[in-house]
Amino acid sequence: MSTGRPHPAPRGPTGGDTDVGGNVALARTSMRNHLRAVFSDIERIRAHSPELFANDPSTVPVRRNVAVWE
C-alpha cells in the first residue's frame, strides 16, 4: 500500500544500494517489492493527474520541461 511518499531504492546498512551478497532470491524479492511500490505510486499519480498520461496507445506523449526552483 502506498503512503503517498516517494519510494527510494532499497538501501543497505551503509546507505548504499542493498547488497544482497550474491543472493539471487533476495535480490529478486527486493526488486519485486520496490517495483510494486513504484507501480502503486504511478497508479496513484495517474488517478490524481490523468493529464500526465497518454490515453491513446498510438499517440506519443509530449515531454514538458519543468524547472523547479528551491
Protein backbone atom coordinates (compact mmCIF):
# COMPACT_ATOMS: atom_id res chain seq x y z
CA MET A 1 0.00 0.00 0.00
CA SER A 2 1.36 3.39 -0.93
CA THR A 3 1.97 6.00 1.73
CA GLY A 4 1.87 8.88 -0.75
CA ARG A 5 5.60 9.41 -0.31
CA PRO A 6 8.24 8.59 -2.93
CA HIS A 7 9.79 5.16 -2.53
CA PRO A 8 13.58 5.32 -2.59
CA ALA A 9 15.58 2.42 -3.93
CA PRO A 10 16.31 -0.23 -1.31
CA ARG A 11 19.27 0.79 0.88
CA GLY A 12 21.73 -1.32 2.80
CA PRO A 13 23.12 -0.70 6.28
CA THR A 14 25.82 1.65 4.97
CA GLY A 15 23.34 3.75 2.98
CA GLY A 16 24.34 2.37 -0.41
CA ASP A 17 22.28 0.15 -2.67
CA THR A 18 21.17 -3.03 -0.97
CA ASP A 19 23.95 -5.58 -1.01
CA VAL A 20 22.39 -8.99 -1.45
CA GLY A 21 25.76 -10.72 -1.42
CA GLY A 22 25.02 -12.78 -4.48
CA ASN A 23 21.70 -13.98 -3.05
CA VAL A 24 19.59 -14.07 -6.21
CA ALA A 25 16.35 -14.90 -4.39
CA LEU A 26 16.81 -11.91 -2.04
CA ALA A 27 17.67 -9.65 -4.99
CA ARG A 28 14.50 -10.72 -6.82
CA THR A 29 12.35 -10.21 -3.73
CA SER A 30 13.84 -6.77 -3.08
CA MET A 31 13.33 -5.71 -6.69
CA ARG A 32 9.74 -7.00 -6.77
CA ASN A 33 8.89 -5.11 -3.58
CA HIS A 34 10.48 -1.94 -4.92
CA LEU A 35 8.68 -2.21 -8.28
CA ARG A 36 5.32 -2.89 -6.61
CA ALA A 37 5.75 0.33 -4.63
CA VAL A 38 6.75 2.25 -7.78
CA PHE A 39 3.80 0.91 -9.81
CA SER A 40 1.45 1.69 -6.93
CA ASP A 41 2.71 5.27 -6.92
CA ILE A 42 2.27 5.51 -10.70
CA GLU A 43 -1.38 4.43 -10.39
CA ARG A 44 -1.94 6.94 -7.57
CA ILE A 45 -0.43 9.71 -9.70
CA ARG A 46 -2.48 8.61 -12.74
CA ALA A 47 -5.67 8.84 -10.66
CA HIS A 48 -4.74 12.29 -9.36
CA SER A 49 -3.31 13.74 -12.61
CA PRO A 50 -4.57 11.76 -15.62
CA GLU A 51 -3.44 14.53 -17.98
CA LEU A 52 0.13 13.38 -17.41
CA PHE A 53 -0.58 10.03 -19.09
CA ALA A 54 -1.42 9.18 -22.70
CA ASN A 55 -4.89 7.71 -23.21
CA ASP A 56 -4.38 6.57 -26.79
CA PRO A 57 -1.58 3.98 -27.22
CA SER A 58 -0.99 5.18 -30.79
CA THR A 59 -0.05 8.69 -29.63
CA VAL A 60 3.27 9.83 -28.27
CA PRO A 61 3.19 11.86 -25.05
CA VAL A 62 4.67 15.35 -25.24
CA ARG A 63 7.58 15.81 -22.88
CA ARG A 64 7.44 19.08 -20.99
CA ASN A 65 10.42 20.68 -19.29
CA VAL A 66 9.54 21.85 -15.83
CA ALA A 67 12.01 23.88 -13.82
CA VAL A 68 11.76 23.72 -10.05
CA TRP A 69 13.46 26.46 -8.11
CA GLU A 70 14.15 25.79 -4.47
